[in-house]
Amino acid sequence: TFTVSNLGMFGIDEFTAIINAPDSCILAIGGIDQVPVVKNGQIVPGNIMKVTLTCDHRVVDGATGAAFLQTLKSLLEEPVRILA
């Protein structure tokens, strides 16, 4: 099974969640911060959120976990892709 743990609502920016049996992964969601980012050569306000994934490597290979995070990142950055 898979668990999502969100501490962002408590002002926590980043944390590492610990897997509880019988889960194979847990996704830790931190808060959203507004920071300066470069977009189209301009410095503009941007939102960032730190997300970490803890996996039981007996069940999930690290490369598979990394691929999951890359897909999640791309969907969060462009949510309209979820509809495609």
N, C-alpha and C. Protein backbone atom coordinates (compact mmCIF):
# COMPACT_ATOMS: atom_id res chain seq x y z
N THR A 1 0.84 -1.19 0.00
CA THR A 1 0.00 0.00 0.00
C THR A 1 0.87 1.25 0.00
N PHE A 2 0.23 2.39 -0.13
CA PHE A 2 0.91 3.67 -0.31
C PHE A 2 0.23 4.70 0.59
N THR A 3 1.02 5.51 1.29
CA THR A 3 0.48 6.53 2.18
C THR A 3 0.99 7.90 1.77
N VAL A 4 0.15 8.92 1.96
CA VAL A 4 0.54 10.31 1.76
C VAL A 4 0.48 11.00 3.12
N SER A 5 1.57 11.67 3.49
CA SER A 5 1.65 12.40 4.75
C SER A 5 1.89 13.88 4.45
N ASN A 6 0.98 14.75 4.92
CA ASN A 6 1.05 16.17 4.65
C ASN A 6 1.26 16.93 5.96
N LEU A 7 2.42 17.57 6.10
CA LEU A 7 2.67 18.44 7.25
C LEU A 7 2.78 19.90 6.82
N GLY A 8 2.56 20.17 5.54
CA GLY A 8 2.64 21.53 5.02
C GLY A 8 1.67 22.47 5.71
N MET A 9 0.50 21.98 6.10
CA MET A 9 -0.50 22.82 6.75
C MET A 9 -0.06 23.28 8.13
N PHE A 10 1.00 22.67 8.67
CA PHE A 10 1.53 23.06 9.96
C PHE A 10 2.79 23.92 9.83
N GLY A 11 3.08 24.38 8.61
CA GLY A 11 4.24 25.24 8.39
C GLY A 11 5.55 24.47 8.21
N ILE A 12 5.48 23.16 8.03
CA ILE A 12 6.67 22.35 7.81
C ILE A 12 7.00 22.39 6.33
N ASP A 13 8.22 22.81 5.99
CA ASP A 13 8.62 22.92 4.59
C ASP A 13 9.05 21.59 3.99
N GLU A 14 9.74 20.77 4.78
CA GLU A 14 10.29 19.52 4.26
C GLU A 14 10.49 18.55 5.41
N PHE A 15 10.19 17.28 5.16
CA PHE A 15 10.44 16.25 6.17
C PHE A 15 10.56 14.90 5.47
N THR A 16 11.10 13.95 6.18
CA THR A 16 11.21 12.58 5.67
C THR A 16 10.27 11.71 6.49
N ALA A 17 9.30 11.13 5.83
CA ALA A 17 8.32 10.28 6.51
C ALA A 17 8.87 8.87 6.66
N ILE A 18 8.46 8.21 7.72
CA ILE A 18 8.90 6.84 8.00
C ILE A 18 7.78 5.87 7.63
N ILE A 19 8.15 4.83 6.90
CA ILE A 19 7.17 3.83 6.45
C ILE A 19 6.65 3.03 7.64
N ASN A 20 5.33 2.85 7.66
CA ASN A 20 4.70 1.98 8.65
C ASN A 20 4.22 0.72 7.94
N ALA A 21 4.42 -0.43 8.59
CA ALA A 21 3.94 -1.69 8.00
C ALA A 21 2.43 -1.62 7.85
N PRO A 22 1.86 -2.13 6.80
CA PRO A 22 2.41 -2.91 5.70
C PRO A 22 2.70 -2.07 4.45
N ASP A 23 2.84 -0.75 4.59
CA ASP A 23 3.07 0.12 3.43
C ASP A 23 4.39 -0.19 2.75
N SER A 24 4.44 0.10 1.44
CA SER A 24 5.69 -0.04 0.70
C SER A 24 6.31 1.32 0.41
N CYS A 25 5.49 2.39 0.44
CA CYS A 25 5.99 3.75 0.20
C CYS A 25 5.18 4.75 1.01
N ILE A 26 5.80 5.89 1.29
CA ILE A 26 5.10 7.01 1.90
C ILE A 26 5.61 8.29 1.26
N LEU A 27 4.68 9.13 0.85
CA LEU A 27 4.99 10.39 0.19
C LEU A 27 4.82 11.51 1.21
N ALA A 28 5.88 12.28 1.45
CA ALA A 28 5.86 13.38 2.41
C ALA A 28 5.67 14.69 1.66
N ILE A 29 4.62 15.44 2.00
CA ILE A 29 4.29 16.70 1.33
C ILE A 29 4.56 17.85 2.29
N GLY A 30 5.45 18.77 1.88
CA GLY A 30 5.74 19.96 2.66
C GLY A 30 4.87 21.12 2.22
N GLY A 31 5.05 22.26 2.90
CA GLY A 31 4.28 23.45 2.57
C GLY A 31 4.74 24.11 1.28
N ILE A 32 3.91 25.00 0.77
CA ILE A 32 4.23 25.75 -0.44
C ILE A 32 4.85 27.08 -0.03
N ASP A 33 6.00 27.41 -0.62
CA ASP A 33 6.68 28.67 -0.37
C ASP A 33 6.73 29.47 -1.66
N GLN A 34 6.63 30.79 -1.53
CA GLN A 34 6.78 31.65 -2.70
C GLN A 34 8.21 32.18 -2.71
N VAL A 35 8.90 31.95 -3.84
CA VAL A 35 10.30 32.35 -3.99
C VAL A 35 10.49 32.99 -5.37
N PRO A 36 11.57 33.78 -5.53
CA PRO A 36 11.84 34.32 -6.86
C PRO A 36 12.32 33.22 -7.81
N VAL A 37 11.76 33.20 -9.02
CA VAL A 37 12.17 32.25 -10.05
C VAL A 37 12.37 33.00 -11.36
N VAL A 38 13.18 32.43 -12.24
CA VAL A 38 13.40 33.02 -13.56
C VAL A 38 12.45 32.34 -14.54
N LYS A 39 11.61 33.15 -15.19
CA LYS A 39 10.66 32.63 -16.18
C LYS A 39 10.68 33.56 -17.38
N ASN A 40 11.05 33.00 -18.54
CA ASN A 40 11.16 33.80 -19.77
C ASN A 40 12.13 34.96 -19.60
N GLY A 41 13.24 34.72 -18.89
CA GLY A 41 14.27 35.74 -18.71
C GLY A 41 13.92 36.80 -17.68
N GLN A 42 12.81 36.67 -17.00
CA GLN A 42 12.37 37.64 -16.00
C GLN A 42 12.34 36.97 -14.63
N ILE A 43 12.63 37.74 -13.59
CA ILE A 43 12.49 37.24 -12.23
C ILE A 43 11.06 37.53 -11.78
N VAL A 44 10.34 36.47 -11.45
CA VAL A 44 8.93 36.59 -11.05
C VAL A 44 8.70 35.71 -9.81
N PRO A 45 7.61 35.97 -9.06
CA PRO A 45 7.30 35.10 -7.93
C PRO A 45 6.89 33.71 -8.43
N GLY A 46 7.37 32.70 -7.75
CA GLY A 46 7.02 31.32 -8.10
C GLY A 46 6.75 30.51 -6.84
N ASN A 47 5.94 29.50 -6.96
CA ASN A 47 5.62 28.63 -5.83
C ASN A 47 6.44 27.36 -5.91
N ILE A 48 7.00 26.94 -4.77
CA ILE A 48 7.72 25.67 -4.69
C ILE A 48 7.14 24.85 -3.54
N MET A 49 7.21 23.55 -3.70
CA MET A 49 6.76 22.63 -2.67
C MET A 49 7.73 21.46 -2.67
N LYS A 50 8.22 21.11 -1.50
CA LYS A 50 9.15 19.98 -1.40
C LYS A 50 8.38 18.71 -1.08
N VAL A 51 8.69 17.68 -1.87
CA VAL A 51 8.03 16.39 -1.74
C VAL A 51 9.13 15.33 -1.66
N THR A 52 9.03 14.43 -0.70
CA THR A 52 10.00 13.34 -0.60
C THR A 52 9.25 12.01 -0.59
N LEU A 53 9.91 11.00 -1.11
CA LEU A 53 9.33 9.66 -1.17
C LEU A 53 10.25 8.70 -0.43
N THR A 54 9.68 7.97 0.51
CA THR A 54 10.41 6.92 1.21
C THR A 54 9.86 5.59 0.72
N CYS A 55 10.76 4.71 0.28
CA CYS A 55 10.35 3.41 -0.28
C CYS A 55 11.02 2.27 0.46
N ASP A 56 10.29 1.18 0.58
CA ASP A 56 10.87 -0.07 1.06
C ASP A 56 11.52 -0.72 -0.16
N HIS A 57 12.84 -0.77 -0.19
CA HIS A 57 13.56 -1.26 -1.37
C HIS A 57 13.40 -2.76 -1.60
N ARG A 58 12.78 -3.45 -0.68
CA ARG A 58 12.45 -4.85 -0.93
C ARG A 58 11.26 -4.95 -1.89
N VAL A 59 10.50 -3.85 -1.98
CA VAL A 59 9.28 -3.84 -2.80
C VAL A 59 9.41 -2.91 -4.00
N VAL A 60 10.00 -1.73 -3.79
CA VAL A 60 10.08 -0.70 -4.84
C VAL A 60 11.54 -0.34 -5.07
N ASP A 61 11.99 -0.49 -6.31
CA ASP A 61 13.35 -0.10 -6.68
C ASP A 61 13.47 1.43 -6.65
N GLY A 62 14.63 1.93 -6.28
CA GLY A 62 14.86 3.37 -6.20
C GLY A 62 14.62 4.08 -7.52
N ALA A 63 14.99 3.45 -8.63
CA ALA A 63 14.78 4.06 -9.95
C ALA A 63 13.29 4.20 -10.25
N THR A 64 12.50 3.23 -9.82
CA THR A 64 11.05 3.30 -10.01
C THR A 64 10.46 4.43 -9.17
N GLY A 65 10.95 4.57 -7.95
CA GLY A 65 10.51 5.67 -7.09
C GLY A 65 10.87 7.02 -7.68
N ALA A 66 12.07 7.14 -8.23
CA ALA A 66 12.50 8.39 -8.86
C ALA A 66 11.64 8.71 -10.08
N ALA A 67 11.30 7.70 -10.87
CA ALA A 67 10.44 7.90 -12.04
C ALA A 67 9.05 8.37 -11.60
N PHE A 68 8.55 7.81 -10.50
CA PHE A 68 7.26 8.25 -9.97
C PHE A 68 7.31 9.72 -9.58
N LEU A 69 8.38 10.13 -8.89
CA LEU A 69 8.51 11.53 -8.49
C LEU A 69 8.62 12.46 -9.69
N GLN A 70 9.33 12.04 -10.73
CA GLN A 70 9.42 12.86 -11.95
C GLN A 70 8.05 13.04 -12.60
N THR A 71 7.27 11.97 -12.65
CA THR A 71 5.93 12.06 -13.22
C THR A 71 5.04 12.95 -12.36
N LEU A 72 5.10 12.79 -11.04
CA LEU A 72 4.32 13.62 -10.13
C LEU A 72 4.67 15.09 -10.30
N LYS A 73 5.97 15.39 -10.40
CA LYS A 73 6.44 16.76 -10.58
C LYS A 73 5.86 17.37 -11.86
N SER A 74 5.93 16.63 -12.95
CA SER A 74 5.44 17.16 -14.22
C SER A 74 3.92 17.39 -14.17
N LEU A 75 3.18 16.52 -13.50
CA LEU A 75 1.73 16.69 -13.39
C LEU A 75 1.36 17.85 -12.48
N LEU A 76 2.12 18.07 -11.42
CA LEU A 76 1.85 19.20 -10.54
C LEU A 76 2.18 20.52 -11.21
N GLU A 77 3.22 20.52 -12.05
CA GLU A 77 3.61 21.74 -12.75
C GLU A 77 2.64 22.09 -13.88
N GLU A 78 2.02 21.07 -14.48
CA GLU A 78 1.06 21.28 -15.58
C GLU A 78 -0.14 20.37 -15.35
N PRO A 79 -1.04 20.74 -14.43
CA PRO A 79 -2.15 19.85 -14.07
C PRO A 79 -3.10 19.52 -15.23
N VAL A 80 -3.12 20.35 -16.26
CA VAL A 80 -3.98 20.05 -17.41
C VAL A 80 -3.59 18.73 -18.07
N ARG A 81 -2.34 18.30 -17.88
CA ARG A 81 -1.87 17.02 -18.44
C ARG A 81 -2.60 15.82 -17.82
N ILE A 82 -3.17 16.00 -16.64
CA ILE A 82 -3.91 14.91 -16.00
C ILE A 82 -5.12 14.55 -16.86
N LEU A 83 -5.68 15.53 -17.55
CA LEU A 83 -6.86 15.31 -18.38
C LEU A 83 -6.54 14.68 -19.72
N ALA A 84 -5.26 14.70 -20.10
CA ALA A 84 -4.88 14.19 -21.43
C ALA A 84 -4.83 12.68 -21.46
